[in-house]
PDB file of N, CA and C in Angstrom:
ATOM      1  N   MET A   1      49.988 -42.160  15.467  1.00  0.00           N
ATOM      2  CA  MET A   1      48.459 -42.710  15.227  1.00  0.00           C
ATOM      3  C   MET A   1      47.547 -41.550  14.307  1.00  0.00           C
ATOM      4  N   GLU A   2      46.829 -41.721  13.471  1.00  0.00           N
ATOM      5  CA  GLU A   2      46.219 -40.619  13.162  1.00  0.00           C
ATOM      6  C   GLU A   2      44.584 -40.689  13.751  1.00  0.00           C
ATOM      7  N   PHE A   3      44.117 -39.543  13.418  1.00  0.00           N
ATOM      8  CA  PHE A   3      42.855 -39.386  14.292  1.00  0.00           C
ATOM      9  C   PHE A   3      41.438 -40.366  14.038  1.00  0.00           C
ATOM     10  N   GLY A   4      41.631 -41.041  12.995  1.00  0.00           N
ATOM     11  CA  GLY A   4      40.858 -41.737  12.541  1.00  0.00           C
ATOM     12  C   GLY A   4      40.866 -43.063  13.676  1.00  0.00           C
ATOM     13  N   GLU A   5      42.329 -43.344  13.242  1.00  0.00           N
ATOM     14  CA  GLU A   5      42.582 -44.621  14.064  1.00  0.00           C
ATOM     15  C   GLU A   5      42.124 -44.488  15.813  1.00  0.00           C
ATOM     16  N   GLU A   6      42.610 -43.364  16.144  1.00  0.00           N
ATOM     17  CA  GLU A   6      42.220 -42.789  17.619  1.00  0.00           C
ATOM     18  C   GLU A   6      40.412 -43.173  17.722  1.00  0.00           C
ATOM     19  N   VAL A   7      39.989 -42.462  17.208  1.00  0.00           N
ATOM     20  CA  VAL A   7      38.230 -42.235  17.069  1.00  0.00           C
ATOM     21  C   VAL A   7      38.038 -43.803  17.155  1.00  0.00           C
ATOM     22  N   VAL A   8      38.627 -44.734  16.100  1.00  0.00           N
ATOM     23  CA  VAL A   8      38.129 -46.183  16.085  1.00  0.00           C
ATOM     24  C   VAL A   8      38.393 -47.218  17.493  1.00  0.00           C
ATOM     25  N   LEU A   9      39.717 -46.617  18.093  1.00  0.00           N
ATOM     26  CA  LEU A   9      39.789 -47.261  19.379  1.00  0.00           C
ATOM     27  C   LEU A   9      38.999 -46.941  20.616  1.00  0.00           C
ATOM     28  N   ARG A  10      38.881 -45.394  20.480  1.00  0.00           N
ATOM     29  CA  ARG A  10      37.885 -45.082  21.543  1.00  0.00           C
ATOM     30  C   ARG A  10      36.398 -45.671  21.764  1.00  0.00           C
ATOM     31  N   ALA A  11      36.203 -45.755  20.328  1.00  0.00           N
ATOM     32  CA  ALA A  11      34.551 -46.314  19.807  1.00  0.00           C
ATOM     33  C   ALA A  11      34.721 -48.003  20.527  1.00  0.00           C
ATOM     34  N   ILE A  12      35.745 -48.404  20.093  1.00  0.00           N
ATOM     35  CA  ILE A  12      35.960 -50.078  20.870  1.00  0.00           C
ATOM     36  C   ILE A  12      36.004 -49.802  22.283  1.00  0.00           C
ATOM     37  N   HIS A  13      37.041 -49.320  22.761  1.00  0.00           N
ATOM     38  CA  HIS A  13      36.888 -48.945  24.345  1.00  0.00           C
ATOM     39  C   HIS A  13      35.438 -48.844  24.659  1.00  0.00           C
ATOM     40  N   ALA A  14      34.616 -47.687  24.262  1.00  0.00           N
ATOM     41  CA  ALA A  14      33.287 -47.677  24.704  1.00  0.00           C
ATOM     42  C   ALA A  14      32.752 -48.464  24.543  1.00  0.00           C
ATOM     43  N   ALA A  15      32.470 -49.325  23.373  1.00  0.00           N
ATOM     44  CA  ALA A  15      31.708 -50.766  23.360  1.00  0.00           C
ATOM     45  C   ALA A  15      32.025 -51.571  24.162  1.00  0.00           C
ATOM     46  N   SER A  16      33.304 -51.875  24.528  1.00  0.00           N
ATOM     47  CA  SER A  16      33.299 -53.072  25.348  1.00  0.00           C
ATOM     48  C   SER A  16      32.980 -52.370  26.619  1.00  0.00           C
ATOM     49  N   VAL A  17      33.307 -51.242  27.177  1.00  0.00           N
ATOM     50  CA  VAL A  17      32.629 -50.684  28.513  1.00  0.00           C
ATOM     51  C   VAL A  17      31.188 -51.458  28.820  1.00  0.00           C
ATOM     52  N   ALA A  18      30.736 -50.785  27.575  1.00  0.00           N
ATOM     53  CA  ALA A  18      29.032 -50.657  27.832  1.00  0.00           C
ATOM     54  C   ALA A  18      28.560 -52.437  27.553  1.00  0.00           C
ATOM     55  N   ALA A  19      29.394 -52.952  26.895  1.00  0.00           N
ATOM     56  CA  ALA A  19      28.794 -54.431  27.068  1.00  0.00           C
ATOM     57  C   ALA A  19      29.482 -55.110  28.364  1.00  0.00           C
ATOM     58  N   ALA A  20      30.199 -54.826  29.068  1.00  0.00           N
ATOM     59  CA  ALA A  20      30.560 -55.145  30.429  1.00  0.00           C
ATOM     60  C   ALA A  20      29.643 -54.695  31.554  1.00  0.00           C
ATOM     61  N   GLN A  21      29.183 -53.551  30.985  1.00  0.00           N
ATOM     62  CA  GLN A  21      27.936 -52.982  32.374  1.00  0.00           C
ATOM     63  C   GLN A  21      26.840 -53.582  31.879  1.00  0.00           C
ATOM     64  N   ILE A  22      26.640 -54.042  30.828  1.00  0.00           N
ATOM     65  CA  ILE A  22      25.346 -54.856  30.354  1.00  0.00           C
ATOM     66  C   ILE A  22      25.463 -55.891  31.128  1.00  0.00           C
ATOM     67  N   VAL A  23      26.627 -56.816  30.804  1.00  0.00           N
ATOM     68  CA  VAL A  23      26.840 -58.223  31.679  1.00  0.00           C
ATOM     69  C   VAL A  23      26.859 -58.087  33.030  1.00  0.00           C
ATOM     70  N   LEU A  24      27.354 -57.253  33.477  1.00  0.00           N
ATOM     71  CA  LEU A  24      27.356 -57.026  35.002  1.00  0.00           C
ATOM     72  C   LEU A  24      25.965 -56.592  35.752  1.00  0.00           C
ATOM     73  N   ALA A  25      25.512 -55.565  34.896  1.00  0.00           N
ATOM     74  CA  ALA A  25      24.097 -55.529  35.250  1.00  0.00           C
ATOM     75  C   ALA A  25      23.050 -56.812  35.131  1.00  0.00           C
ATOM     76  N   GLU A  26      23.073 -57.685  34.097  1.00  0.00           N
ATOM     77  CA  GLU A  26      22.372 -58.801  33.953  1.00  0.00           C
ATOM     78  C   GLU A  26      22.773 -59.924  35.119  1.00  0.00           C
ATOM     79  N   ALA A  27      23.749 -59.680  35.706  1.00  0.00           N
ATOM     80  CA  ALA A  27      24.658 -60.809  36.850  1.00  0.00           C
ATOM     81  C   ALA A  27      24.079 -60.814  37.930  1.00  0.00           C
ATOM     82  N   GLU A  28      23.729 -58.752  38.130  1.00  0.00           N
ATOM     83  CA  GLU A  28      23.319 -58.450  39.612  1.00  0.00           C
ATOM     84  C   GLU A  28      21.526 -58.557  39.124  1.00  0.00           C
ATOM     85  N   ALA A  29      21.147 -58.782  38.387  1.00  0.00           N
ATOM     86  CA  ALA A  29      19.814 -58.874  38.303  1.00  0.00           C
ATOM     87  C   ALA A  29      19.221 -60.498  38.219  1.00  0.00           C
ATOM     88  N   GLU A  30      20.391 -61.226  38.585  1.00  0.00           N
ATOM     89  CA  GLU A  30      20.498 -62.745  38.182  1.00  0.00           C
ATOM     90  C   GLU A  30      19.935 -62.968  39.646  1.00  0.00           C
ATOM     91  N   ALA A  31      21.435 -62.385  40.034  1.00  0.00           N
ATOM     92  CA  ALA A  31      22.035 -62.611  41.748  1.00  0.00           C
ATOM     93  C   ALA A  31      20.533 -62.154  42.657  1.00  0.00           C
ATOM     94  N   GLU A  32      19.830 -61.218  42.045  1.00  0.00           N
ATOM     95  CA  GLU A  32      18.949 -60.468  43.200  1.00  0.00           C
ATOM     96  C   GLU A  32      17.870 -61.316  43.234  1.00  0.00           C
ATOM     97  N   ALA A  33      17.734 -61.760  41.701  1.00  0.00           N
ATOM     98  CA  ALA A  33      16.352 -62.743  41.559  1.00  0.00           C
ATOM     99  C   ALA A  33      16.550 -63.995  42.274  1.00  0.00           C
ATOM    100  N   ARG A  34      17.955 -64.510  42.208  1.00  0.00           N
ATOM    101  CA  ARG A  34      17.879 -65.991  42.878  1.00  0.00           C
ATOM    102  C   ARG A  34      17.936 -65.747  44.251  1.00  0.00           C
ATOM    103  N   PHE A  35      18.160 -64.842  44.770  1.00  0.00           N
ATOM    104  CA  PHE A  35      18.397 -65.052  46.628  1.00  0.00           C
ATOM    105  C   PHE A  35      17.327 -63.956  46.934  1.00  0.00           C
ATOM    106  N   ARG A  36      16.470 -62.962  46.385  1.00  0.00           N
ATOM    107  CA  ARG A  36      15.579 -62.255  46.831  1.00  0.00           C
ATOM    108  C   ARG A  36      14.705 -63.120  48.144  1.00  0.00           C
ATOM    109  N   PRO A  37      14.248 -64.367  47.131  1.00  0.00           N
ATOM    110  CA  PRO A  37      13.284 -64.967  48.652  1.00  0.00           C
ATOM    111  C   PRO A  37      13.693 -65.372  49.686  1.00  0.00           C
ATOM    112  N   VAL A  38      15.323 -65.329  50.155  1.00  0.00           N
ATOM    113  CA  VAL A  38      15.610 -65.946  51.255  1.00  0.00           C
ATOM    114  C   VAL A  38      15.851 -64.480  51.865  1.00  0.00           C
ATOM    115  N   LEU A  39      16.309 -63.198  50.938  1.00  0.00           N
ATOM    116  CA  LEU A  39      16.782 -62.337  51.969  1.00  0.00           C
ATOM    117  C   LEU A  39      15.274 -61.606  52.293  1.00  0.00           C
ATOM    118  N   SER A  40      14.014 -61.481  51.881  1.00  0.00           N
ATOM    119  CA  SER A  40      13.289 -60.983  51.979  1.00  0.00           C
ATOM    120  C   SER A  40      12.130 -61.888  52.657  1.00  0.00           C
ATOM    121  N   GLY A  41      12.374 -63.203  52.716  1.00  0.00           N
ATOM    122  CA  GLY A  41      11.500 -64.011  53.715  1.00  0.00           C
ATOM    123  C   GLY A  41      10.701 -63.477  54.817  1.00  0.00           C
ATOM    124  N   GLN A  42       9.575 -63.726  55.287  1.00  0.00           N
ATOM    125  CA  GLN A  42       8.982 -63.189  56.524  1.00  0.00           C
ATOM    126  C   GLN A  42       9.275 -63.876  57.899  1.00  0.00           C
ATOM    127  N   ILE A  43       9.566 -63.620  58.660  1.00  0.00           N
ATOM    128  CA  ILE A  43       9.985 -64.410  59.834  1.00  0.00           C
ATOM    129  C   ILE A  43       8.646 -64.585  61.053  1.00  0.00           C
ATOM    130  N   ILE A  44       8.375 -65.664  61.269  1.00  0.00           N
ATOM    131  CA  ILE A  44       7.243 -65.928  61.676  1.00  0.00           C
ATOM    132  C   ILE A  44       7.940 -66.329  62.834  1.00  0.00           C
ATOM    133  N   ALA A  45       6.964 -65.637  64.319  1.00  0.00           N
ATOM    134  CA  ALA A  45       7.040 -65.345  65.403  1.00  0.00           C
ATOM    135  C   ALA A  45       6.261 -65.727  66.171  1.00  0.00           C
ATOM    136  N   PHE A  46       6.194 -67.007  67.034  1.00  0.00           N
ATOM    137  CA  PHE A  46       5.106 -67.273  67.752  1.00  0.00           C
ATOM    138  C   PHE A  46       5.740 -66.664  69.236  1.00  0.00           C
ATOM    139  N   PRO A  47       4.308 -66.179  69.798  1.00  0.00           N
ATOM    140  CA  PRO A  47       4.365 -65.474  71.287  1.00  0.00           C
ATOM    141  C   PRO A  47       4.569 -66.309  72.334  1.00  0.00           C
ATOM    142  N   LEU A  48       5.291 -66.251  73.526  1.00  0.00           N
ATOM    143  CA  LEU A  48       5.961 -67.216  74.645  1.00  0.00           C
ATOM    144  C   LEU A  48       4.370 -67.072  75.378  1.00  0.00           C
ATOM    145  N   ILE A  49       4.425 -68.668  75.927  1.00  0.00           N
ATOM    146  CA  ILE A  49       3.394 -69.014  76.572  1.00  0.00           C
ATOM    147  C   ILE A  49       3.845 -69.032  77.768  1.00  0.00           C
ATOM    148  N   GLU A  50       3.276 -68.060  78.696  1.00  0.00           N
ATOM    149  CA  GLU A  50       3.816 -67.567  80.055  1.00  0.00           C
ATOM    150  C   GLU A  50       3.008 -68.650  81.200  1.00  0.00           C
ATOM    151  N   ARG A  51       3.620 -69.157  81.887  1.00  0.00           N
ATOM    152  CA  ARG A  51       3.101 -70.154  82.557  1.00  0.00           C
ATOM    153  C   ARG A  51       3.282 -69.565  84.216  1.00  0.00           C
ATOM    154  N   ASP A  52       2.629 -70.217  84.875  1.00  0.00           N
ATOM    155  CA  ASP A  52       2.588 -69.440  86.387  1.00  0.00           C
ATOM    156  C   ASP A  52       3.909 -69.700  86.979  1.00  0.00           C
ATOM    157  N   ARG A  53       4.835 -69.432  87.229  1.00  0.00           N
ATOM    158  CA  ARG A  53       6.067 -69.776  87.643  1.00  0.00           C
ATOM    159  C   ARG A  53       6.482 -68.685  89.039  1.00  0.00           C
ATOM    160  N   ALA A  54       6.793 -69.612  89.681  1.00  0.00           N
ATOM    161  CA  ALA A  54       7.417 -68.305  90.897  1.00  0.00           C
ATOM    162  C   ALA A  54       8.796 -67.837  90.795  1.00  0.00           C
ATOM    163  N   GLU A  55       8.592 -66.404  91.231  1.00  0.00           N
ATOM    164  CA  GLU A  55       9.831 -65.876  90.938  1.00  0.00           C
ATOM    165  C   GLU A  55      11.019 -66.343  91.876  1.00  0.00           C
ATOM    166  N   PRO A  56      12.518 -66.460  91.506  1.00  0.00           N
ATOM    167  CA  PRO A  56      13.401 -67.097  92.439  1.00  0.00           C
ATOM    168  C   PRO A  56      13.084 -66.655  93.796  1.00  0.00           C
ATOM    169  N   ASP A  57      12.839 -65.559  94.310  1.00  0.00           N
ATOM    170  CA  ASP A  57      12.865 -64.903  95.749  1.00  0.00           C
ATOM    171  C   ASP A  57      11.286 -65.422  96.357  1.00  0.00           C
ATOM    172  N   GLN A  58      10.507 -66.194  95.509  1.00  0.00           N
ATOM    173  CA  GLN A  58       9.287 -66.635  96.008  1.00  0.00           C
ATOM    174  C   GLN A  58       9.407 -68.299  96.703  1.00  0.00           C
ATOM    175  N   GLU A  59       8.895 -68.130  97.715  1.00  0.00           N
ATOM    176  CA  GLU A  59       8.638 -69.936  97.818  1.00  0.00           C
ATOM    177  C   GLU A  59       7.319 -70.532  97.203  1.00  0.00           C
ATOM    178  N   PRO A  60       7.466 -71.573  96.816  1.00  0.00           N
ATOM    179  CA  PRO A  60       6.181 -72.235  96.013  1.00  0.00           C
ATOM    180  C   PRO A  60       4.740 -72.641  97.303  1.00  0.00           C
ATOM    181  N   LYS A  61       4.068 -72.344  96.727  1.00  0.00           N
ATOM    182  CA  LYS A  61       2.574 -72.598  97.530  1.00  0.00           C
ATOM    183  C   LYS A  61       2.398 -73.937  97.569  1.00  0.00           C
ATOM    184  N   MET A  62       1.853 -74.351  99.081  1.00  0.00           N
ATOM    185  CA  MET A  62       1.372 -75.969  99.392  1.00  0.00           C
ATOM    186  C   MET A  62       0.353 -76.008  99.588  1.00  0.00           C
TER     187      MET A  62
END
């Protein structure tokens, strides 16, 4: 293989690696945009309403 052919093959390889990286980055960006609302959604919590309950060791008042 001549030097010029080796340079061409390396250039083709580098271009294909770069293209694969671009495709991967685009796929990651699309997946992040698609699933971000689910992953970053706010959790809504409601406080518990405490009721006057007797403790198990206390007898109810009559």
